[in-house]
C-alpha atoms as a PDB file:
ATOM      1  CA  MET A   1      -0.067  -0.075   0.298  1.00  0.00           C
ATOM      2  CA  ALA A   2       1.276   3.742  -1.131  1.00  0.00           C
ATOM      3  CA  LYS A   3       1.713   6.595   1.196  1.00  0.00           C
ATOM      4  CA  VAL A   4       0.388   8.724  -1.274  1.00  0.00           C
ATOM      5  CA  SER A   5      -2.448   7.933  -4.006  1.00  0.00           C
ATOM      6  CA  ILE A   6      -2.191  10.742  -6.894  1.00  0.00           C
ATOM      7  CA  ILE A   7      -5.830  10.708  -8.083  1.00  0.00           C
ATOM      8  CA  MET A   8      -6.527  12.476 -11.977  1.00  0.00           C
ATOM      9  CA  GLY A   9      -9.662  12.328 -13.988  1.00  0.00           C
ATOM     10  CA  ILE A  10      -8.595  12.485 -17.784  1.00  0.00           C
ATOM     11  CA  TYR A  11     -10.831  13.376 -20.578  1.00  0.00           C
ATOM     12  CA  ASN A  12      -9.040  14.256 -24.116  1.00  0.00           C
ATOM     13  CA  CYS A  13      -5.554  15.086 -23.129  1.00  0.00           C
ATOM     14  CA  ALA A  14      -3.878  12.406 -25.176  1.00  0.00           C
ATOM     15  CA  PRO A  15      -1.390  15.198 -26.313  1.00  0.00           C
ATOM     16  CA  THR A  16      -0.340  16.213 -22.741  1.00  0.00           C
ATOM     17  CA  LEU A  17      -0.893  13.462 -20.816  1.00  0.00           C
ATOM     18  CA  PRO A  18       3.002  11.780 -21.343  1.00  0.00           C
ATOM     19  CA  GLU A  19       4.676  14.962 -20.186  1.00  0.00           C
ATOM     20  CA  ALA A  20       1.854  15.085 -17.162  1.00  0.00           C
ATOM     21  CA  VAL A  21       2.606  10.979 -16.020  1.00  0.00           C
ATOM     22  CA  ASP A  22       6.361  11.273 -16.840  1.00  0.00           C
ATOM     23  CA  SER A  23       6.191  14.016 -14.047  1.00  0.00           C
ATOM     24  CA  ILE A  24       4.983  11.895 -12.137  1.00  0.00           C
ATOM     25  CA  LEU A  25       7.187   9.160 -12.243  1.00  0.00           C
ATOM     26  CA  ALA A  26      10.575  11.888 -11.701  1.00  0.00           C
ATOM     27  CA  GLN A  27       8.896  12.393  -8.176  1.00  0.00           C
ATOM     28  CA  THR A  28      11.865  12.232  -5.467  1.00  0.00           C
ATOM     29  CA  PHE A  29       9.089  10.864  -3.814  1.00  0.00           C
ATOM     30  CA  THR A  30       8.773   7.268  -5.047  1.00  0.00           C
ATOM     31  CA  ASP A  31       6.223   5.664  -2.329  1.00  0.00           C
ATOM     32  CA  TRP A  32       2.936   6.687  -4.528  1.00  0.00           C
ATOM     33  CA  GLN A  33       0.317   5.440  -6.351  1.00  0.00           C
ATOM     34  CA  LEU A  34      -1.274   6.788  -9.356  1.00  0.00           C
ATOM     35  CA  VAL A  35      -5.202   6.193 -10.121  1.00  0.00           C
ATOM     36  CA  LEU A  36      -6.288   7.153 -13.563  1.00  0.00           C
ATOM     37  CA  CYS A  37     -10.176   7.354 -14.705  1.00  0.00           C
ATOM     38  CA  ASP A  38     -10.717   8.276 -18.237  1.00  0.00           C
ATOM     39  CA  ASP A  39     -13.862  10.088 -18.974  1.00  0.00           C
ATOM     40  CA  GLY A  40     -15.243   9.067 -22.048  1.00  0.00           C
ATOM     41  CA  SER A  41     -12.514  10.595 -24.336  1.00  0.00           C
ATOM     42  CA  LEU A  42     -12.996  10.999 -27.929  1.00  0.00           C
ATOM     43  CA  ASP A  43      -9.428  10.776 -28.855  1.00  0.00           C
ATOM     44  CA  ASP A  44      -6.444   8.269 -27.779  1.00  0.00           C
ATOM     45  CA  THR A  45      -6.413   9.381 -24.223  1.00  0.00           C
ATOM     46  CA  TYR A  46      -6.987   5.985 -22.672  1.00  0.00           C
ATOM     47  CA  ALA A  47      -4.717   4.128 -25.089  1.00  0.00           C
ATOM     48  CA  VAL A  48      -1.836   6.723 -24.221  1.00  0.00           C
ATOM     49  CA  ALA A  49      -2.845   5.840 -20.135  1.00  0.00           C
ATOM     50  CA  ALA A  50      -2.875   1.926 -21.392  1.00  0.00           C
ATOM     51  CA  ARG A  51       0.616   2.504 -22.257  1.00  0.00           C
ATOM     52  CA  TYR A  52       2.001   3.718 -19.085  1.00  0.00           C
ATOM     53  CA  GLN A  53      -0.544   1.207 -17.177  1.00  0.00           C
ATOM     54  CA  ALA A  54       1.078  -1.877 -18.839  1.00  0.00           C
ATOM     55  CA  ALA A  55       4.603  -0.157 -17.775  1.00  0.00           C
ATOM     56  CA  TYR A  56       3.884   0.681 -14.671  1.00  0.00           C
ATOM     57  CA  PRO A  57       1.416  -2.286 -13.287  1.00  0.00           C
ATOM     58  CA  GLU A  58       2.303  -1.966  -9.895  1.00  0.00           C
ATOM     59  CA  LYS A  59       2.107   1.571  -9.781  1.00  0.00           C
ATOM     60  CA  ILE A  60      -0.977   2.748 -11.863  1.00  0.00           C
ATOM     61  CA  VAL A  61      -4.492   2.117 -11.911  1.00  0.00           C
ATOM     62  CA  LEU A  62      -6.346   2.854 -14.944  1.00  0.00           C
ATOM     63  CA  LEU A  63     -10.347   2.856 -14.754  1.00  0.00           C
ATOM     64  CA  GLN A  64     -12.744   4.389 -17.131  1.00  0.00           C
ATOM     65  CA  ASN A  65     -16.252   5.702 -17.561  1.00  0.00           C
ATOM     66  CA  GLU A  66     -18.497   4.244 -20.466  1.00  0.00           C
ATOM     67  CA  CYS A  67     -19.453   7.843 -21.285  1.00  0.00           C
ATOM     68  CA  ASN A  68     -18.342  10.880 -20.181  1.00  0.00           C
ATOM     69  CA  MET A  69     -19.368  11.803 -16.534  1.00  0.00           C
ATOM     70  CA  GLY A  70     -18.017  15.217 -15.729  1.00  0.00           C
ATOM     71  CA  LEU A  71     -14.637  15.519 -12.968  1.00  0.00           C
ATOM     72  CA  ASN A  72     -16.626  15.378  -9.857  1.00  0.00           C
ATOM     73  CA  HIS A  73     -18.087  11.636 -10.457  1.00  0.00           C
ATOM     74  CA  THR A  74     -14.900  10.549 -11.940  1.00  0.00           C
ATOM     75  CA  LEU A  75     -12.673  11.608  -9.392  1.00  0.00           C
ATOM     76  CA  ASN A  76     -14.664   9.918  -6.767  1.00  0.00           C
ATOM     77  CA  ARG A  77     -14.061   6.842  -8.739  1.00  0.00           C
ATOM     78  CA  CYS A  78     -10.289   7.762  -8.385  1.00  0.00           C
ATOM     79  CA  LEU A  79     -10.626   8.148  -4.726  1.00  0.00           C
ATOM     80  CA  ALA A  80     -12.787   4.562  -4.263  1.00  0.00           C
ATOM     81  CA  ALA A  81      -9.584   3.004  -5.754  1.00  0.00           C
ATOM     82  CA  ALA A  82      -7.125   5.339  -4.196  1.00  0.00           C
ATOM     83  CA  THR A  83      -5.755   3.241  -1.072  1.00  0.00           C
ATOM     84  CA  GLY A  84      -2.850   6.043   0.009  1.00  0.00           C
ATOM     85  CA  GLU A  85      -3.175   7.341   3.548  1.00  0.00           C
ATOM     86  CA  TYR A  86      -2.558  11.252   1.229  1.00  0.00           C
ATOM     87  CA  VAL A  87      -4.664  11.810  -1.824  1.00  0.00           C
ATOM     88  CA  ALA A  88      -3.092  14.211  -4.334  1.00  0.00           C
ATOM     89  CA  ARG A  89      -4.558  15.460  -6.933  1.00  0.00           C
ATOM     90  CA  MET A  90      -3.336  15.981 -10.853  1.00  0.00           C
ATOM     91  CA  ASP A  91      -5.126  17.106 -13.908  1.00  0.00           C
ATOM     92  CA  GLY A  92      -3.357  15.252 -17.194  1.00  0.00           C
ATOM     93  CA  ASP A  93      -2.258  18.606 -18.906  1.00  0.00           C
ATOM     94  CA  ASP A  94       0.190  20.024 -16.017  1.00  0.00           C
ATOM     95  CA  LEU A  95       3.076  19.234 -14.330  1.00  0.00           C
ATOM     96  CA  SER A  96       4.545  18.132 -11.099  1.00  0.00           C
ATOM     97  CA  LEU A  97       7.745  19.626  -9.880  1.00  0.00           C
ATOM     98  CA  PRO A  98      10.114  16.728  -9.178  1.00  0.00           C
ATOM     99  CA  THR A  99      10.047  17.382  -5.134  1.00  0.00           C
ATOM    100  CA  ARG A 100       6.218  18.474  -4.686  1.00  0.00           C
ATOM    101  CA  LEU A 101       5.029  14.877  -3.238  1.00  0.00           C
ATOM    102  CA  GLU A 102       8.001  14.767  -1.229  1.00  0.00           C
ATOM    103  CA  LYS A 103       7.735  18.020  -0.171  1.00  0.00           C
ATOM    104  CA  GLU A 104       3.559  17.674   0.705  1.00  0.00           C
ATOM    105  CA  ALA A 105       3.745  14.522   2.448  1.00  0.00           C
ATOM    106  CA  ALA A 106       6.324  15.618   4.791  1.00  0.00           C
ATOM    107  CA  PHE A 107       4.522  18.659   5.779  1.00  0.00           C
ATOM    108  CA  LEU A 108       1.388  16.538   6.455  1.00  0.00           C
ATOM    109  CA  ASP A 109       3.594  14.227   8.520  1.00  0.00           C
ATOM    110  CA  ALA A 110       4.900  16.616  10.187  1.00  0.00           C
ATOM    111  CA  HIS A 111       1.369  18.723  11.026  1.00  0.00           C
ATOM    112  CA  PRO A 112      -1.294  16.528  12.034  1.00  0.00           C
ATOM    113  CA  GLU A 113      -3.249  19.669  12.814  1.00  0.00           C
ATOM    114  CA  TYR A 114      -3.626  20.066   8.849  1.00  0.00           C
ATOM    115  CA  ALA A 115      -5.717  17.476   6.463  1.00  0.00           C
ATOM    116  CA  ILE A 116      -5.044  20.025   3.490  1.00  0.00           C
ATOM    117  CA  VAL A 117      -1.258  21.024   1.822  1.00  0.00           C
ATOM    118  CA  SER A 118      -1.442  23.344  -1.871  1.00  0.00           C
ATOM    119  CA  THR A 119       0.960  25.150  -2.862  1.00  0.00           C
ATOM    120  CA  PRO A 120       0.963  28.061  -5.316  1.00  0.00           C
ATOM    121  CA  MET A 121       1.429  27.579  -9.040  1.00  0.00           C
ATOM    122  CA  ILE A 122       3.155  28.480 -12.267  1.00  0.00           C
ATOM    123  CA  PHE A 123       1.273  29.465 -15.494  1.00  0.00           C
ATOM    124  CA  PHE A 124       2.427  27.513 -18.761  1.00  0.00           C
ATOM    125  CA  ASP A 125       1.765  27.904 -22.187  1.00  0.00           C
ATOM    126  CA  GLU A 126       2.990  27.257 -25.664  1.00  0.00           C
ATOM    127  CA  ASN A 127       5.413  29.942 -25.050  1.00  0.00           C
ATOM    128  CA  GLY A 128       6.796  28.828 -21.848  1.00  0.00           C
ATOM    129  CA  ASP A 129       6.212  29.566 -18.469  1.00  0.00           C
ATOM    130  CA  TRP A 130       4.896  33.222 -17.840  1.00  0.00           C
ATOM    131  CA  GLY A 131       3.148  33.955 -14.633  1.00  0.00           C
ATOM    132  CA  ARG A 132       2.360  32.808 -11.068  1.00  0.00           C
ATOM    133  CA  SER A 133      -0.118  32.455  -8.483  1.00  0.00           C
ATOM    134  CA  TYR A 134       0.252  33.267  -4.856  1.00  0.00           C
ATOM    135  CA  SER A 135      -1.797  32.055  -1.827  1.00  0.00           C
ATOM    136  CA  ILE A 136      -3.012  32.717   1.701  1.00  0.00           C
ATOM    137  CA  GLU A 137      -0.508  30.553   4.007  1.00  0.00           C
ATOM    138  CA  LYS A 138      -3.260  29.536   6.356  1.00  0.00           C
ATOM    139  CA  PRO A 139      -6.803  30.267   5.484  1.00  0.00           C
ATOM    140  CA  VAL A 140      -9.312  30.752   7.580  1.00  0.00           C
ATOM    141  CA  LYS A 141     -13.524  30.807   6.928  1.00  0.00           C
ATOM    142  CA  LYS A 142     -13.652  34.440   6.314  1.00  0.00           C
ATOM    143  CA  ASP A 143     -10.985  34.638   3.455  1.00  0.00           C
ATOM    144  CA  PHE A 144     -13.775  32.157   1.505  1.00  0.00           C
ATOM    145  CA  ILE A 145     -15.424  35.970   1.592  1.00  0.00           C
ATOM    146  CA  LYS A 146     -12.762  37.732  -0.970  1.00  0.00           C
ATOM    147  CA  HIS A 147     -10.153  34.960  -1.765  1.00  0.00           C
ATOM    148  CA  SER A 148     -12.113  31.753  -2.898  1.00  0.00           C
ATOM    149  CA  PRO A 149     -10.714  29.387  -3.902  1.00  0.00           C
ATOM    150  CA  VAL A 150      -8.397  29.372  -0.683  1.00  0.00           C
ATOM    151  CA  HIS A 151      -6.393  26.322  -2.046  1.00  0.00           C
ATOM    152  CA  CYS A 152      -5.368  25.590  -5.702  1.00  0.00           C
ATOM    153  CA  HIS A 153      -7.215  21.926  -6.372  1.00  0.00           C
ATOM    154  CA  ALA A 154      -4.718  20.420  -8.766  1.00  0.00           C
ATOM    155  CA  PRO A 155      -1.486  20.766  -6.533  1.00  0.00           C
ATOM    156  CA  CYS A 156      -3.345  19.577  -3.565  1.00  0.00           C
ATOM    157  CA  MET A 157      -2.444  16.751  -1.122  1.00  0.00           C
ATOM    158  CA  ILE A 158      -5.355  15.793   1.104  1.00  0.00           C
ATOM    159  CA  ARG A 159      -5.713  13.296   4.266  1.00  0.00           C
ATOM    160  CA  ARG A 160      -7.770  10.446   2.640  1.00  0.00           C
ATOM    161  CA  GLU A 161      -9.959  10.171   5.767  1.00  0.00           C
ATOM    162  CA  ALA A 162     -10.799  13.774   5.134  1.00  0.00           C
ATOM    163  CA  TYR A 163     -11.816  13.235   2.035  1.00  0.00           C
ATOM    164  CA  LEU A 164     -13.741  10.389   2.818  1.00  0.00           C
ATOM    165  CA  ALA A 165     -15.833  12.236   6.241  1.00  0.00           C
ATOM    166  CA  VAL A 166     -17.481  14.490   3.659  1.00  0.00           C
ATOM    167  CA  GLY A 167     -18.066  11.980   0.869  1.00  0.00           C
ATOM    168  CA  GLY A 168     -15.569  13.170  -1.865  1.00  0.00           C
ATOM    169  CA  TYR A 169     -16.620  15.365  -4.849  1.00  0.00           C
ATOM    170  CA  THR A 170     -20.306  16.380  -4.716  1.00  0.00           C
ATOM    171  CA  GLU A 171     -21.580  14.866  -7.923  1.00  0.00           C
ATOM    172  CA  ASP A 172     -23.905  17.753  -9.153  1.00  0.00           C
ATOM    173  CA  LYS A 173     -23.590  19.394 -12.371  1.00  0.00           C
ATOM    174  CA  ARG A 174     -24.199  22.869 -11.365  1.00  0.00           C
ATOM    175  CA  MET A 175     -20.546  22.600  -9.826  1.00  0.00           C
ATOM    176  CA  LEU A 176     -18.724  21.055 -12.604  1.00  0.00           C
ATOM    177  CA  ARG A 177     -15.458  22.817 -12.836  1.00  0.00           C
ATOM    178  CA  PHE A 178     -16.430  24.936  -9.524  1.00  0.00           C
ATOM    179  CA  GLU A 179     -16.261  20.945  -7.361  1.00  0.00           C
ATOM    180  CA  ASP A 180     -13.139  21.636  -5.969  1.00  0.00           C
ATOM    181  CA  VAL A 181     -13.998  25.252  -4.483  1.00  0.00           C
ATOM    182  CA  ASN A 182     -17.319  22.782  -3.241  1.00  0.00           C
ATOM    183  CA  LEU A 183     -14.825  20.339  -1.344  1.00  0.00           C
ATOM    184  CA  TRP A 184     -12.967  23.284   0.673  1.00  0.00           C
ATOM    185  CA  TYR A 185     -16.294  24.993   1.840  1.00  0.00           C
ATOM    186  CA  LYS A 186     -16.948  21.155   2.625  1.00  0.00           C
ATOM    187  CA  LEU A 187     -13.596  20.117   4.739  1.00  0.00           C
ATOM    188  CA  TYR A 188     -13.784  23.898   6.091  1.00  0.00           C
ATOM    189  CA  ALA A 189     -17.390  23.008   7.668  1.00  0.00           C
ATOM    190  CA  LYS A 190     -16.754  20.124   8.776  1.00  0.00           C
ATOM    191  CA  GLY A 191     -14.054  21.651  11.287  1.00  0.00           C
ATOM    192  CA  TYR A 192     -10.335  20.677   8.513  1.00  0.00           C
ATOM    193  CA  ALA A 193      -8.203  22.961   8.252  1.00  0.00           C
ATOM    194  CA  GLY A 194      -5.521  23.576   4.955  1.00  0.00           C
ATOM    195  CA  TYR A 195      -2.056  25.604   4.763  1.00  0.00           C
ATOM    196  CA  ASN A 196      -0.707  26.923   1.307  1.00  0.00           C
ATOM    197  CA  LEU A 197       3.091  26.107   0.952  1.00  0.00           C
ATOM    198  CA  PRO A 198       4.730  29.819  -0.376  1.00  0.00           C
ATOM    199  CA  GLU A 199       7.003  27.640  -2.959  1.00  0.00           C
ATOM    200  CA  PRO A 200       5.222  26.688  -6.385  1.00  0.00           C
ATOM    201  CA  LEU A 201       5.680  22.762  -6.757  1.00  0.00           C
ATOM    202  CA  TYR A 202       2.854  22.611  -9.804  1.00  0.00           C
ATOM    203  CA  LYS A 203       3.231  23.800 -13.421  1.00  0.00           C
ATOM    204  CA  MET A 204      -0.979  24.350 -14.612  1.00  0.00           C
ATOM    205  CA  ARG A 205      -1.243  24.989 -18.746  1.00  0.00           C
ATOM    206  CA  ASP A 206      -3.251  28.310 -18.936  1.00  0.00           C
ATOM    207  CA  ASP A 207      -3.397  28.899 -22.583  1.00  0.00           C
ATOM    208  CA  LEU A 208      -6.283  29.835 -25.032  1.00  0.00           C
ATOM    209  CA  ALA A 209      -7.575  26.495 -24.739  1.00  0.00           C
ATOM    210  CA  ALA A 210      -8.104  26.505 -21.533  1.00  0.00           C
ATOM    211  CA  THR A 211      -9.875  29.933 -21.552  1.00  0.00           C
ATOM    212  CA  LYS A 212     -12.106  28.163 -24.192  1.00  0.00           C
ATOM    213  CA  ARG A 213     -12.993  25.541 -21.198  1.00  0.00           C
ATOM    214  CA  ARG A 214     -14.060  28.561 -18.964  1.00  0.00           C
ATOM    215  CA  SER A 215     -17.509  29.068 -20.767  1.00  0.00           C
ATOM    216  CA  LEU A 216     -20.483  31.388 -19.239  1.00  0.00           C
ATOM    217  CA  LYS A 217     -22.219  28.607 -18.496  1.00  0.00           C
ATOM    218  CA  SER A 218     -19.387  26.863 -16.298  1.00  0.00           C
ATOM    219  CA  ARG A 219     -19.022  30.508 -14.507  1.00  0.00           C
ATOM    220  CA  MET A 220     -22.350  30.392 -13.375  1.00  0.00           C
ATOM    221  CA  ASN A 221     -21.655  27.237 -11.631  1.00  0.00           C
ATOM    222  CA  GLY A 222     -19.183  29.032  -9.631  1.00  0.00           C
ATOM    223  CA  VAL A 223     -21.729  31.579  -8.764  1.00  0.00           C
ATOM    224  CA  TYR A 224     -23.774  28.814  -7.293  1.00  0.00           C
ATOM    225  CA  VAL A 225     -20.755  26.902  -5.022  1.00  0.00           C
ATOM    226  CA  THR A 226     -20.650  30.560  -3.490  1.00  0.00           C
ATOM    227  CA  TYR A 227     -24.011  30.717  -2.764  1.00  0.00           C
ATOM    228  CA  VAL A 228     -24.191  26.844  -1.570  1.00  0.00           C
ATOM    229  CA  GLY A 229     -20.786  27.391   0.427  1.00  0.00           C
ATOM    230  CA  PHE A 230     -22.324  30.705   2.285  1.00  0.00           C
ATOM    231  CA  LYS A 231     -25.131  28.652   3.345  1.00  0.00           C
ATOM    232  CA  LEU A 232     -22.725  25.514   4.780  1.00  0.00           C
ATOM    233  CA  PHE A 233     -20.913  28.326   6.405  1.00  0.00           C
ATOM    234  CA  GLN A 234     -24.484  30.305   8.086  1.00  0.00           C
ATOM    235  CA  PHE A 235     -22.845  33.142   6.885  1.00  0.00           C
ATOM    236  CA  PRO A 236     -25.186  36.241   7.973  1.00  0.00           C
ATOM    237  CA  TRP A 237     -27.914  37.477   5.153  1.00  0.00           C
ATOM    238  CA  TYR A 238     -26.090  40.891   4.314  1.00  0.00           C
ATOM    239  CA  MET A 239     -22.991  38.800   3.476  1.00  0.00           C
ATOM    240  CA  TYR A 240     -24.842  37.350   0.285  1.00  0.00           C
ATOM    241  CA  ILE A 241     -23.994  40.541  -1.412  1.00  0.00           C
ATOM    242  CA  TYR A 242     -20.668  38.949  -1.914  1.00  0.00           C
ATOM    243  CA  VAL A 243     -23.039  36.546  -3.981  1.00  0.00           C
ATOM    244  CA  VAL A 244     -24.112  39.150  -5.943  1.00  0.00           C
ATOM    245  CA  ILE A 245     -20.848  40.682  -6.618  1.00  0.00           C
ATOM    246  CA  ASP A 246     -19.252  37.185  -7.836  1.00  0.00           C
ATOM    247  CA  PHE A 247     -22.021  36.811 -10.187  1.00  0.00           C
ATOM    248  CA  LEU A 248     -21.267  40.266 -11.667  1.00  0.00           C
ATOM    249  CA  LYS A 249     -17.457  39.352 -12.176  1.00  0.00           C
ATOM    250  CA  HIS A 250     -18.133  35.512 -13.602  1.00  0.00           C
ATOM    251  CA  PHE A 251     -20.987  36.761 -15.869  1.00  0.00           C
ATOM    252  CA  ILE A 252     -18.477  39.658 -17.494  1.00  0.00           C
ATOM    253  CA  LYS A 253     -15.651  37.207 -17.696  1.00  0.00           C
ATOM    254  CA  GLY A 254     -18.045  35.108 -19.417  1.00  0.00           C
ATOM    255  CA  ILE A 255     -19.225  37.066 -21.813  1.00  0.00           C
ATOM    256  CA  ILE A 256     -15.868  39.150 -23.331  1.00  0.00           C
ATOM    257  CA  PRO A 257     -14.172  37.906 -25.855  1.00  0.00           C
ATOM    258  CA  GLU A 258     -11.751  35.117 -24.941  1.00  0.00           C
ATOM    259  CA  SER A 259      -8.448  36.772 -26.181  1.00  0.00           C
ATOM    260  CA  LEU A 260      -9.298  39.936 -24.678  1.00  0.00           C
ATOM    261  CA  TYR A 261     -10.068  37.649 -21.460  1.00  0.00           C
ATOM    262  CA  MET A 262      -6.453  36.370 -21.502  1.00  0.00           C
ATOM    263  CA  LYS A 263      -5.187  39.853 -22.050  1.00  0.00           C
ATOM    264  CA  PHE A 264      -6.554  41.048 -18.780  1.00  0.00           C
ATOM    265  CA  HIS A 265      -5.756  37.779 -17.260  1.00  0.00           C
ATOM    266  CA  LYS A 266      -2.164  37.898 -17.906  1.00  0.00           C
ATOM    267  CA  LYS A 267      -2.069  41.183 -16.570  1.00  0.00           C
ATOM    268  CA  ALA A 268      -3.678  40.916 -13.369  1.00  0.00           C
ATOM    269  CA  VAL A 269      -1.339  37.863 -12.855  1.00  0.00           C
ATOM    270  CA  ARG A 270       2.380  38.352 -11.505  1.00  0.00           C
ATOM    271  CA  GLN A 271       4.332  37.859 -14.537  1.00  0.00           C
ATOM    272  CA  TRP A 272       6.971  35.123 -13.821  1.00  0.00           C
END
């Protein structure tokens, strides 16, 4: 049984999946299990994953949905197959830096008071690294009001017992693309705490293709998740003005041209 299970939902990512899996194979921490689940891909994603599973049968578990079910359902399938004490996330078009698992697992080993650890991310596209994110070191409930999400999802590592205590990801289509934010609300509402390491240990592919996936409909899911989260935290009625503000921000981002959004997005992110 591995110390860390990495769960990865994969969908139409055949060109980028080898880099993602290779970044796990290159980790300085070697006591891991990788659980992949193909979510009804229309390209060769499953075939690429199957080649890796055949090459590393003791390290990689490969699942497949009969049809496209969404990331929340897919990650729950991965979670059910995960056996590690800690569960890390990873996406099929991103990269984990070599010491990521080592440093996150060491933090959770040394700090039993935290159930979640994550890191900032380096953003990259076809031209290379172009920016990075920054995170609040020790988020608390009030930080959800203006700084949600309080943790980057893809680089996170969570105690498996905490994942299971909140039932994993909520399988509601209204939460797709924001299932991670809902997870943070559920974990913090249950009394769990998280920590963000200052060093970015993960590289996220943030290009025009990623922007195209951030549709107006998916952004409205973000507003719904915020509303449900505020109810879960039992915030007073006057705090719901921030839900309205959240709606306006998501709406504007969802209707402006993709190229213009990307221009503003890169300006808003501190350049690398």
